[in-house]
Amino acid sequence: MITSSMAKAVAREPKLWPTAFRAYRSFVPTRWWTRRPFLPIPDRDWMQFRLVTAYGGDGSPPASSGEELITWLRWLEKN
């Protein structure tokens, strides 16, 4: 689940675009083309689980999630 604040935050950081793409690709299930809707998107239940474990409650990201995403992408880039 990508919020508009996340998309805007990444759009403002072109140097992080390759890292963001690699991170997104890691969330896409293998052999995604064999399952409906035949698009490279993460499984909804799995993403919900990840959001709940990250943010608690119902998994709704906070308004500052764009900043958190940039911090995480910078960490990924270094490691």
PDB file of N, CA and C in Angstrom:
ATOM      1  N   MET A   1       0.842  -1.168   0.000  1.00  0.00           N
ATOM      2  CA  MET A   1       0.000   0.000   0.000  1.00  0.00           C
ATOM      3  C   MET A   1       0.890   1.235   0.000  1.00  0.00           C
ATOM      4  N   ILE A   2       0.933   1.912  -1.122  1.00  0.00           N
ATOM      5  CA  ILE A   2       1.757   3.100  -1.262  1.00  0.00           C
ATOM      6  C   ILE A   2       0.856   4.322  -1.146  1.00  0.00           C
ATOM      7  N   THR A   3       1.171   5.174  -0.183  1.00  0.00           N
ATOM      8  CA  THR A   3       0.379   6.388  -0.006  1.00  0.00           C
ATOM      9  C   THR A   3       0.939   7.502  -0.889  1.00  0.00           C
ATOM     10  N   SER A   4       0.165   8.539  -1.070  1.00  0.00           N
ATOM     11  CA  SER A   4       0.631   9.658  -1.895  1.00  0.00           C
ATOM     12  C   SER A   4       1.839  10.340  -1.263  1.00  0.00           C
ATOM     13  N   SER A   5       1.894  10.393   0.063  1.00  0.00           N
ATOM     14  CA  SER A   5       3.061  11.014   0.709  1.00  0.00           C
ATOM     15  C   SER A   5       4.323  10.188   0.468  1.00  0.00           C
ATOM     16  N   MET A   6       4.174   8.863   0.397  1.00  0.00           N
ATOM     17  CA  MET A   6       5.319   8.006   0.087  1.00  0.00           C
ATOM     18  C   MET A   6       5.790   8.236  -1.345  1.00  0.00           C
ATOM     19  N   ALA A   7       4.852   8.255  -2.280  1.00  0.00           N
ATOM     20  CA  ALA A   7       5.196   8.454  -3.691  1.00  0.00           C
ATOM     21  C   ALA A   7       5.864   9.812  -3.904  1.00  0.00           C
ATOM     22  N   LYS A   8       5.338  10.849  -3.266  1.00  0.00           N
ATOM     23  CA  LYS A   8       5.921  12.188  -3.395  1.00  0.00           C
ATOM     24  C   LYS A   8       7.323  12.237  -2.799  1.00  0.00           C
ATOM     25  N   ALA A   9       7.495  11.581  -1.658  1.00  0.00           N
ATOM     26  CA  ALA A   9       8.807  11.582  -1.008  1.00  0.00           C
ATOM     27  C   ALA A   9       9.851  10.915  -1.896  1.00  0.00           C
ATOM     28  N   VAL A  10       9.505   9.795  -2.498  1.00  0.00           N
ATOM     29  CA  VAL A  10      10.451   9.096  -3.377  1.00  0.00           C
ATOM     30  C   VAL A  10      10.676   9.897  -4.659  1.00  0.00           C
ATOM     31  N   ALA A  11       9.643  10.517  -5.188  1.00  0.00           N
ATOM     32  CA  ALA A  11       9.773  11.315  -6.415  1.00  0.00           C
ATOM     33  C   ALA A  11      10.763  12.464  -6.231  1.00  0.00           C
ATOM     34  N   ARG A  12      10.863  12.988  -5.020  1.00  0.00           N
ATOM     35  CA  ARG A  12      11.786  14.094  -4.736  1.00  0.00           C
ATOM     36  C   ARG A  12      13.225  13.624  -4.534  1.00  0.00           C
ATOM     37  N   GLU A  13      13.451  12.316  -4.541  1.00  0.00           N
ATOM     38  CA  GLU A  13      14.789  11.764  -4.285  1.00  0.00           C
ATOM     39  C   GLU A  13      15.220  10.858  -5.445  1.00  0.00           C
ATOM     40  N   PRO A  14      15.543  11.419  -6.615  1.00  0.00           N
ATOM     41  CA  PRO A  14      15.875  10.580  -7.776  1.00  0.00           C
ATOM     42  C   PRO A  14      17.043   9.619  -7.538  1.00  0.00           C
ATOM     43  N   LYS A  15      17.970   9.984  -6.660  1.00  0.00           N
ATOM     44  CA  LYS A  15      19.094   9.085  -6.384  1.00  0.00           C
ATOM     45  C   LYS A  15      18.630   7.794  -5.714  1.00  0.00           C
ATOM     46  N   LEU A  16      17.461   7.830  -5.078  1.00  0.00           N
ATOM     47  CA  LEU A  16      16.947   6.639  -4.401  1.00  0.00           C
ATOM     48  C   LEU A  16      16.036   5.795  -5.291  1.00  0.00           C
ATOM     49  N   TRP A  17      15.750   6.235  -6.515  1.00  0.00           N
ATOM     50  CA  TRP A  17      14.838   5.495  -7.387  1.00  0.00           C
ATOM     51  C   TRP A  17      15.294   4.060  -7.637  1.00  0.00           C
ATOM     52  N   PRO A  18      16.589   3.811  -7.939  1.00  0.00           N
ATOM     53  CA  PRO A  18      16.996   2.405  -8.136  1.00  0.00           C
ATOM     54  C   PRO A  18      16.802   1.561  -6.872  1.00  0.00           C
ATOM     55  N   THR A  19      17.102   2.136  -5.721  1.00  0.00           N
ATOM     56  CA  THR A  19      16.916   1.417  -4.458  1.00  0.00           C
ATOM     57  C   THR A  19      15.440   1.150  -4.212  1.00  0.00           C
ATOM     58  N   ALA A  20      14.596   2.134  -4.495  1.00  0.00           N
ATOM     59  CA  ALA A  20      13.148   1.956  -4.320  1.00  0.00           C
ATOM     60  C   ALA A  20      12.626   0.864  -5.250  1.00  0.00           C
ATOM     61  N   PHE A  21      13.134   0.828  -6.471  1.00  0.00           N
ATOM     62  CA  PHE A  21      12.700  -0.205  -7.412  1.00  0.00           C
ATOM     63  C   PHE A  21      13.114  -1.590  -6.924  1.00  0.00           C
ATOM     64  N   ARG A  22      14.352  -1.725  -6.463  1.00  0.00           N
ATOM     65  CA  ARG A  22      14.816  -3.023  -5.937  1.00  0.00           C
ATOM     66  C   ARG A  22      14.002  -3.437  -4.714  1.00  0.00           C
ATOM     67  N   ALA A  23      13.690  -2.480  -3.851  1.00  0.00           N
ATOM     68  CA  ALA A  23      12.891  -2.790  -2.660  1.00  0.00           C
ATOM     69  C   ALA A  23      11.498  -3.249  -3.067  1.00  0.00           C
ATOM     70  N   TYR A  24      10.877  -2.544  -4.004  1.00  0.00           N
ATOM     71  CA  TYR A  24       9.540  -2.938  -4.467  1.00  0.00           C
ATOM     72  C   TYR A  24       9.583  -4.328  -5.081  1.00  0.00           C
ATOM     73  N   ARG A  25      10.595  -4.577  -5.897  1.00  0.00           N
ATOM     74  CA  ARG A  25      10.727  -5.884  -6.549  1.00  0.00           C
ATOM     75  C   ARG A  25      10.852  -7.004  -5.522  1.00  0.00           C
ATOM     76  N   SER A  26      11.463  -6.725  -4.383  1.00  0.00           N
ATOM     77  CA  SER A  26      11.612  -7.767  -3.360  1.00  0.00           C
ATOM     78  C   SER A  26      10.278  -8.132  -2.717  1.00  0.00           C
ATOM     79  N   PHE A  27       9.288  -7.241  -2.800  1.00  0.00           N
ATOM     80  CA  PHE A  27       7.962  -7.515  -2.244  1.00  0.00           C
ATOM     81  C   PHE A  27       7.055  -8.270  -3.216  1.00  0.00           C
ATOM     82  N   VAL A  28       7.430  -8.299  -4.494  1.00  0.00           N
ATOM     83  CA  VAL A  28       6.597  -8.944  -5.517  1.00  0.00           C
ATOM     84  C   VAL A  28       6.791 -10.454  -5.434  1.00  0.00           C
ATOM     85  N   PRO A  29       5.694 -11.225  -5.411  1.00  0.00           N
ATOM     86  CA  PRO A  29       5.816 -12.679  -5.325  1.00  0.00           C
ATOM     87  C   PRO A  29       6.501 -13.266  -6.561  1.00  0.00           C
ATOM     88  N   THR A  30       7.233 -14.350  -6.349  1.00  0.00           N
ATOM     89  CA  THR A  30       7.835 -15.033  -7.486  1.00  0.00           C
ATOM     90  C   THR A  30       6.739 -15.600  -8.381  1.00  0.00           C
ATOM     91  N   ARG A  31       7.031 -15.672  -9.641  1.00  0.00           N
ATOM     92  CA  ARG A  31       6.094 -16.185 -10.650  1.00  0.00           C
ATOM     93  C   ARG A  31       4.747 -15.471 -10.588  1.00  0.00           C
ATOM     94  N   TRP A  32       4.790 -14.153 -10.392  1.00  0.00           N
ATOM     95  CA  TRP A  32       3.568 -13.353 -10.282  1.00  0.00           C
ATOM     96  C   TRP A  32       2.709 -13.457 -11.530  1.00  0.00           C
ATOM     97  N   TRP A  33       3.296 -13.734 -12.665  1.00  0.00           N
ATOM     98  CA  TRP A  33       2.562 -13.796 -13.930  1.00  0.00           C
ATOM     99  C   TRP A  33       1.658 -15.017 -14.038  1.00  0.00           C
ATOM    100  N   THR A  34       1.771 -15.951 -13.082  1.00  0.00           N
ATOM    101  CA  THR A  34       0.927 -17.149 -13.123  1.00  0.00           C
ATOM    102  C   THR A  34      -0.346 -17.001 -12.291  1.00  0.00           C
ATOM    103  N   ARG A  35      -0.477 -15.889 -11.572  1.00  0.00           N
ATOM    104  CA  ARG A  35      -1.645 -15.668 -10.703  1.00  0.00           C
ATOM    105  C   ARG A  35      -2.361 -14.379 -11.062  1.00  0.00           C
ATOM    106  N   ARG A  36      -3.666 -14.417 -10.908  1.00  0.00           N
ATOM    107  CA  ARG A  36      -4.441 -13.194 -11.125  1.00  0.00           C
ATOM    108  C   ARG A  36      -4.070 -12.173 -10.072  1.00  0.00           C
ATOM    109  N   PRO A  37      -4.010 -10.965 -10.390  1.00  0.00           N
ATOM    110  CA  PRO A  37      -4.416 -10.246 -11.594  1.00  0.00           C
ATOM    111  C   PRO A  37      -3.310 -10.142 -12.642  1.00  0.00           C
ATOM    112  N   PHE A  38      -2.307 -11.009 -12.589  1.00  0.00           N
ATOM    113  CA  PHE A  38      -1.221 -11.046 -13.574  1.00  0.00           C
ATOM    114  C   PHE A  38      -0.441  -9.734 -13.618  1.00  0.00           C
ATOM    115  N   LEU A  39      -0.252  -9.144 -12.452  1.00  0.00           N
ATOM    116  CA  LEU A  39       0.511  -7.906 -12.312  1.00  0.00           C
ATOM    117  C   LEU A  39       1.552  -8.087 -11.212  1.00  0.00           C
ATOM    118  N   PRO A  40       2.684  -7.412 -11.329  1.00  0.00           N
ATOM    119  CA  PRO A  40       3.726  -7.535 -10.301  1.00  0.00           C
ATOM    120  C   PRO A  40       3.417  -6.696  -9.063  1.00  0.00           C
ATOM    121  N   ILE A  41       2.385  -7.114  -8.330  1.00  0.00           N
ATOM    122  CA  ILE A  41       2.014  -6.407  -7.106  1.00  0.00           C
ATOM    123  C   ILE A  41       2.085  -7.376  -5.930  1.00  0.00           C
ATOM    124  N   PRO A  42       2.468  -6.873  -4.755  1.00  0.00           N
ATOM    125  CA  PRO A  42       2.552  -7.744  -3.579  1.00  0.00           C
ATOM    126  C   PRO A  42       1.185  -8.306  -3.202  1.00  0.00           C
ATOM    127  N   ASP A  43       1.198  -9.462  -2.571  1.00  0.00           N
ATOM    128  CA  ASP A  43      -0.027 -10.080  -2.080  1.00  0.00           C
ATOM    129  C   ASP A  43      -0.648  -9.176  -1.013  1.00  0.00           C
ATOM    130  N   ARG A  44      -1.931  -8.938  -1.120  1.00  0.00           N
ATOM    131  CA  ARG A  44      -2.632  -8.013  -0.214  1.00  0.00           C
ATOM    132  C   ARG A  44      -2.541  -8.464   1.251  1.00  0.00           C
ATOM    133  N   ASP A  45      -2.769  -9.754   1.524  1.00  0.00           N
ATOM    134  CA  ASP A  45      -2.713 -10.245   2.909  1.00  0.00           C
ATOM    135  C   ASP A  45      -1.313 -10.105   3.489  1.00  0.00           C
ATOM    136  N   TRP A  46      -0.310 -10.396   2.673  1.00  0.00           N
ATOM    137  CA  TRP A  46       1.067 -10.292   3.133  1.00  0.00           C
ATOM    138  C   TRP A  46       1.416  -8.833   3.435  1.00  0.00           C
ATOM    139  N   MET A  47       0.998  -7.912   2.560  1.00  0.00           N
ATOM    140  CA  MET A  47       1.263  -6.495   2.798  1.00  0.00           C
ATOM    141  C   MET A  47       0.542  -6.002   4.051  1.00  0.00           C
ATOM    142  N   GLN A  48      -0.678  -6.470   4.255  1.00  0.00           N
ATOM    143  CA  GLN A  48      -1.417  -6.080   5.463  1.00  0.00           C
ATOM    144  C   GLN A  48      -0.674  -6.558   6.710  1.00  0.00           C
ATOM    145  N   PHE A  49      -0.164  -7.788   6.675  1.00  0.00           N
ATOM    146  CA  PHE A  49       0.622  -8.317   7.789  1.00  0.00           C
ATOM    147  C   PHE A  49       1.849  -7.443   8.038  1.00  0.00           C
ATOM    148  N   ARG A  50       2.556  -7.073   6.962  1.00  0.00           N
ATOM    149  CA  ARG A  50       3.755  -6.247   7.105  1.00  0.00           C
ATOM    150  C   ARG A  50       3.424  -4.875   7.689  1.00  0.00           C
ATOM    151  N   LEU A  51       2.308  -4.293   7.256  1.00  0.00           N
ATOM    152  CA  LEU A  51       1.917  -2.977   7.765  1.00  0.00           C
ATOM    153  C   LEU A  51       1.502  -3.041   9.232  1.00  0.00           C
ATOM    154  N   VAL A  52       0.791  -4.089   9.613  1.00  0.00           N
ATOM    155  CA  VAL A  52       0.382  -4.240  11.018  1.00  0.00           C
ATOM    156  C   VAL A  52       1.606  -4.440  11.900  1.00  0.00           C
ATOM    157  N   THR A  53       2.566  -5.249  11.453  1.00  0.00           N
ATOM    158  CA  THR A  53       3.763  -5.460  12.269  1.00  0.00           C
ATOM    159  C   THR A  53       4.626  -4.208  12.327  1.00  0.00           C
ATOM    160  N   ALA A  54       4.578  -3.370  11.306  1.00  0.00           N
ATOM    161  CA  ALA A  54       5.376  -2.144  11.305  1.00  0.00           C
ATOM    162  C   ALA A  54       4.720  -1.024  12.105  1.00  0.00           C
ATOM    163  N   TYR A  55       3.406  -0.857  11.926  1.00  0.00           N
ATOM    164  CA  TYR A  55       2.722   0.296  12.514  1.00  0.00           C
ATOM    165  C   TYR A  55       1.747  -0.047  13.630  1.00  0.00           C
ATOM    166  N   GLY A  56       1.414  -1.321  13.805  1.00  0.00           N
ATOM    167  CA  GLY A  56       0.461  -1.720  14.828  1.00  0.00           C
ATOM    168  C   GLY A  56      -0.970  -1.392  14.434  1.00  0.00           C
ATOM    169  N   GLY A  57      -1.898  -1.668  15.323  1.00  0.00           N
ATOM    170  CA  GLY A  57      -3.313  -1.366  15.074  1.00  0.00           C
ATOM    171  C   GLY A  57      -3.833  -2.023  13.816  1.00  0.00           C
ATOM    172  N   ASP A  58      -4.447  -1.221  12.955  1.00  0.00           N
ATOM    173  CA  ASP A  58      -4.986  -1.764  11.708  1.00  0.00           C
ATOM    174  C   ASP A  58      -3.975  -1.691  10.567  1.00  0.00           C
ATOM    175  N   GLY A  59      -2.766  -1.205  10.845  1.00  0.00           N
ATOM    176  CA  GLY A  59      -1.723  -1.151   9.833  1.00  0.00           C
ATOM    177  C   GLY A  59      -1.710   0.121   9.013  1.00  0.00           C
ATOM    178  N   SER A  60      -2.520   1.093   9.392  1.00  0.00           N
ATOM    179  CA  SER A  60      -2.544   2.356   8.650  1.00  0.00           C
ATOM    180  C   SER A  60      -1.245   3.112   8.897  1.00  0.00           C
ATOM    181  N   PRO A  61      -0.533   3.467   7.821  1.00  0.00           N
ATOM    182  CA  PRO A  61       0.707   4.213   8.015  1.00  0.00           C
ATOM    183  C   PRO A  61       0.426   5.627   8.512  1.00  0.00           C
ATOM    184  N   PRO A  62       1.311   6.168   9.342  1.00  0.00           N
ATOM    185  CA  PRO A  62       1.121   7.535   9.827  1.00  0.00           C
ATOM    186  C   PRO A  62       1.375   8.551   8.710  1.00  0.00           C
ATOM    187  N   ALA A  63       1.024   9.786   8.953  1.00  0.00           N
ATOM    188  CA  ALA A  63       1.216  10.841   7.951  1.00  0.00           C
ATOM    189  C   ALA A  63       2.686  11.018   7.592  1.00  0.00           C
ATOM    190  N   SER A  64       3.571  10.678   8.513  1.00  0.00           N
ATOM    191  CA  SER A  64       5.009  10.838   8.275  1.00  0.00           C
ATOM    192  C   SER A  64       5.618   9.646   7.549  1.00  0.00           C
ATOM    193  N   SER A  65       4.804   8.774   6.979  1.00  0.00           N
ATOM    194  CA  SER A  65       5.326   7.553   6.373  1.00  0.00           C
ATOM    195  C   SER A  65       6.257   7.839   5.201  1.00  0.00           C
ATOM    196  N   GLY A  66       6.098   8.979   4.531  1.00  0.00           N
ATOM    197  CA  GLY A  66       7.009   9.337   3.444  1.00  0.00           C
ATOM    198  C   GLY A  66       8.427   9.521   3.955  1.00  0.00           C
ATOM    199  N   GLU A  67       8.552  10.207   5.083  1.00  0.00           N
ATOM    200  CA  GLU A  67       9.865  10.413   5.697  1.00  0.00           C
ATOM    201  C   GLU A  67      10.458   9.087   6.157  1.00  0.00           C
ATOM    202  N   GLU A  68       9.622   8.225   6.720  1.00  0.00           N
ATOM    203  CA  GLU A  68      10.093   6.910   7.160  1.00  0.00           C
ATOM    204  C   GLU A  68      10.582   6.085   5.978  1.00  0.00           C
ATOM    205  N   LEU A  69       9.867   6.160   4.871  1.00  0.00           N
ATOM    206  CA  LEU A  69      10.257   5.415   3.680  1.00  0.00           C
ATOM    207  C   LEU A  69      11.614   5.877   3.170  1.00  0.00           C
ATOM    208  N   ILE A  70      11.839   7.177   3.127  1.00  0.00           N
ATOM    209  CA  ILE A  70      13.126   7.706   2.672  1.00  0.00           C
ATOM    210  C   ILE A  70      14.247   7.252   3.601  1.00  0.00           C
ATOM    211  N   THR A  71      14.008   7.301   4.902  1.00  0.00           N
ATOM    212  CA  THR A  71      15.009   6.835   5.863  1.00  0.00           C
ATOM    213  C   THR A  71      15.324   5.367   5.631  1.00  0.00           C
ATOM    214  N   TRP A  72      14.303   4.549   5.420  1.00  0.00           N
ATOM    215  CA  TRP A  72      14.492   3.114   5.182  1.00  0.00           C
ATOM    216  C   TRP A  72      15.241   2.869   3.871  1.00  0.00           C
ATOM    217  N   LEU A  73      14.895   3.610   2.818  1.00  0.00           N
ATOM    218  CA  LEU A  73      15.582   3.441   1.530  1.00  0.00           C
ATOM    219  C   LEU A  73      17.052   3.830   1.635  1.00  0.00           C
ATOM    220  N   ARG A  74      17.344   4.885   2.381  1.00  0.00           N
ATOM    221  CA  ARG A  74      18.755   5.272   2.581  1.00  0.00           C
ATOM    222  C   ARG A  74      19.503   4.188   3.347  1.00  0.00           C
ATOM    223  N   TRP A  75      18.833   3.584   4.315  1.00  0.00           N
ATOM    224  CA  TRP A  75      19.444   2.488   5.060  1.00  0.00           C
ATOM    225  C   TRP A  75      19.702   1.299   4.128  1.00  0.00           C
ATOM    226  N   LEU A  76      18.728   0.975   3.286  1.00  0.00           N
ATOM    227  CA  LEU A  76      18.907  -0.124   2.332  1.00  0.00           C
ATOM    228  C   LEU A  76      20.068   0.141   1.388  1.00  0.00           C
ATOM    229  N   GLU A  77      20.180   1.369   0.947  1.00  0.00           N
ATOM    230  CA  GLU A  77      21.227   1.742   0.004  1.00  0.00           C
ATOM    231  C   GLU A  77      22.618   1.514   0.601  1.00  0.00           C
ATOM    232  N   LYS A  78      22.751   1.768   1.893  1.00  0.00           N
ATOM    233  CA  LYS A  78      24.046   1.613   2.561  1.00  0.00           C
ATOM    234  C   LYS A  78      24.366   0.161   2.901  1.00  0.00           C
ATOM    235  N   ASN A  79      23.345  -0.662   3.070  1.00  0.00           N
ATOM    236  CA  ASN A  79      23.575  -2.036   3.528  1.00  0.00           C
ATOM    237  C   ASN A  79      23.479  -3.018   2.430  1.00  0.00           C
TER     238      ASN A  79
END
